[in-house]
């Protein structure tokens, strides 16, 4: 029987943006966040970073045009 890997970050439930202590809402690729926004993400060594509700909203606004173009290309 295989055991599931447990995340080491379970205890850390805060946003990874420098200076923010809000609870995490979403997990996104650290490289995507750094490329597409001006957010100062503190990389914790993993591939993903956690964003709170406000910073996730900021990320969505920054990537809005790209997501719209992707949706239009589906047709």
C-alpha atoms as a PDB file:
ATOM      1  CA  UNK A   1       0.000   0.000   0.000  1.00  0.00           C
ATOM      2  CA  UNK A   2       1.423   3.363  -1.019  1.00  0.00           C
ATOM      3  CA  UNK A   3       1.302   6.233   1.388  1.00  0.00           C
ATOM      4  CA  UNK A   4       0.346   9.692   0.262  1.00  0.00           C
ATOM      5  CA  UNK A   5       2.968  12.358   0.666  1.00  0.00           C
ATOM      6  CA  UNK A   6       2.045  14.930   3.220  1.00  0.00           C
ATOM      7  CA  UNK A   7       2.758  18.546   2.512  1.00  0.00           C
ATOM      8  CA  UNK A   8       5.337  20.138   4.743  1.00  0.00           C
ATOM      9  CA  UNK A   9       3.562  23.463   4.299  1.00  0.00           C
ATOM     10  CA  UNK A  10       0.314  22.400   6.012  1.00  0.00           C
ATOM     11  CA  UNK A  11       1.160  24.432   9.118  1.00  0.00           C
ATOM     12  CA  UNK A  12       1.945  27.593   7.159  1.00  0.00           C
ATOM     13  CA  UNK A  13      -1.458  28.959   6.177  1.00  0.00           C
ATOM     14  CA  UNK A  14      -0.519  32.473   5.108  1.00  0.00           C
ATOM     15  CA  UNK A  15      -0.047  34.308   1.833  1.00  0.00           C
ATOM     16  CA  UNK A  16       3.477  34.103   0.340  1.00  0.00           C
ATOM     17  CA  UNK A  17       3.564  37.758  -0.750  1.00  0.00           C
ATOM     18  CA  UNK A  18       6.163  39.708   1.195  1.00  0.00           C
ATOM     19  CA  UNK A  19       4.557  41.607   4.078  1.00  0.00           C
ATOM     20  CA  UNK A  20       1.154  39.887   3.863  1.00  0.00           C
ATOM     21  CA  UNK A  21      -0.159  37.808   6.773  1.00  0.00           C
ATOM     22  CA  UNK A  22      -3.609  36.974   5.403  1.00  0.00           C
ATOM     23  CA  UNK A  23      -4.869  33.386   5.146  1.00  0.00           C
ATOM     24  CA  UNK A  24      -4.101  31.577   1.897  1.00  0.00           C
ATOM     25  CA  UNK A  25      -6.830  31.075  -0.706  1.00  0.00           C
ATOM     26  CA  UNK A  26      -5.170  29.742  -3.882  1.00  0.00           C
ATOM     27  CA  UNK A  27      -1.991  27.938  -4.827  1.00  0.00           C
ATOM     28  CA  UNK A  28      -0.332  29.001  -8.094  1.00  0.00           C
ATOM     29  CA  UNK A  29       2.963  28.483  -9.866  1.00  0.00           C
ATOM     30  CA  UNK A  30       5.619  30.790  -8.414  1.00  0.00           C
ATOM     31  CA  UNK A  31       7.101  31.480 -11.847  1.00  0.00           C
ATOM     32  CA  UNK A  32       3.715  32.463 -13.309  1.00  0.00           C
ATOM     33  CA  UNK A  33       3.091  34.880 -10.451  1.00  0.00           C
ATOM     34  CA  UNK A  34       6.519  36.488 -10.831  1.00  0.00           C
ATOM     35  CA  UNK A  35       6.290  36.784 -14.645  1.00  0.00           C
ATOM     36  CA  UNK A  36       2.778  38.164 -14.874  1.00  0.00           C
ATOM     37  CA  UNK A  37       2.512  40.440 -11.815  1.00  0.00           C
ATOM     38  CA  UNK A  38       4.597  42.837  -9.751  1.00  0.00           C
ATOM     39  CA  UNK A  39       3.930  40.897  -6.548  1.00  0.00           C
ATOM     40  CA  UNK A  40       6.979  40.243  -4.370  1.00  0.00           C
ATOM     41  CA  UNK A  41       6.598  36.524  -3.692  1.00  0.00           C
ATOM     42  CA  UNK A  42       8.778  34.949  -1.031  1.00  0.00           C
ATOM     43  CA  UNK A  43       9.707  31.613  -2.533  1.00  0.00           C
ATOM     44  CA  UNK A  44       9.650  28.886   0.079  1.00  0.00           C
ATOM     45  CA  UNK A  45      11.565  26.407  -2.060  1.00  0.00           C
ATOM     46  CA  UNK A  46       8.519  24.764  -3.624  1.00  0.00           C
ATOM     47  CA  UNK A  47       7.083  25.130  -7.089  1.00  0.00           C
ATOM     48  CA  UNK A  48       3.863  26.744  -5.920  1.00  0.00           C
ATOM     49  CA  UNK A  49       3.144  29.826  -3.864  1.00  0.00           C
ATOM     50  CA  UNK A  50       0.023  30.658  -1.929  1.00  0.00           C
ATOM     51  CA  UNK A  51      -1.971  33.847  -2.429  1.00  0.00           C
ATOM     52  CA  UNK A  52      -4.635  35.391  -0.207  1.00  0.00           C
ATOM     53  CA  UNK A  53      -7.966  36.582  -1.582  1.00  0.00           C
ATOM     54  CA  UNK A  54      -6.761  40.135  -2.338  1.00  0.00           C
ATOM     55  CA  UNK A  55      -3.520  39.092  -4.040  1.00  0.00           C
ATOM     56  CA  UNK A  56      -5.325  36.387  -6.041  1.00  0.00           C
ATOM     57  CA  UNK A  57      -7.741  39.074  -7.250  1.00  0.00           C
ATOM     58  CA  UNK A  58      -4.733  41.174  -8.308  1.00  0.00           C
ATOM     59  CA  UNK A  59      -3.265  38.168 -10.169  1.00  0.00           C
ATOM     60  CA  UNK A  60      -6.574  37.576 -11.969  1.00  0.00           C
ATOM     61  CA  UNK A  61      -6.739  41.220 -13.090  1.00  0.00           C
ATOM     62  CA  UNK A  62      -3.158  41.073 -14.388  1.00  0.00           C
ATOM     63  CA  UNK A  63      -3.856  37.936 -16.432  1.00  0.00           C
ATOM     64  CA  UNK A  64      -7.359  38.878 -17.598  1.00  0.00           C
ATOM     65  CA  UNK A  65      -6.434  39.644 -21.222  1.00  0.00           C
ATOM     66  CA  UNK A  66      -4.421  36.450 -21.577  1.00  0.00           C
ATOM     67  CA  UNK A  67      -7.247  34.317 -20.196  1.00  0.00           C
ATOM     68  CA  UNK A  68      -9.789  36.041 -22.469  1.00  0.00           C
ATOM     69  CA  UNK A  69      -7.635  35.350 -25.552  1.00  0.00           C
ATOM     70  CA  UNK A  70      -7.272  31.718 -24.534  1.00  0.00           C
ATOM     71  CA  UNK A  71     -11.057  31.330 -24.174  1.00  0.00           C
ATOM     72  CA  UNK A  72     -11.680  32.902 -27.596  1.00  0.00           C
ATOM     73  CA  UNK A  73      -9.225  30.543 -29.265  1.00  0.00           C
ATOM     74  CA  UNK A  74     -11.226  27.508 -28.122  1.00  0.00           C
ATOM     75  CA  UNK A  75     -13.866  28.055 -30.814  1.00  0.00           C
END
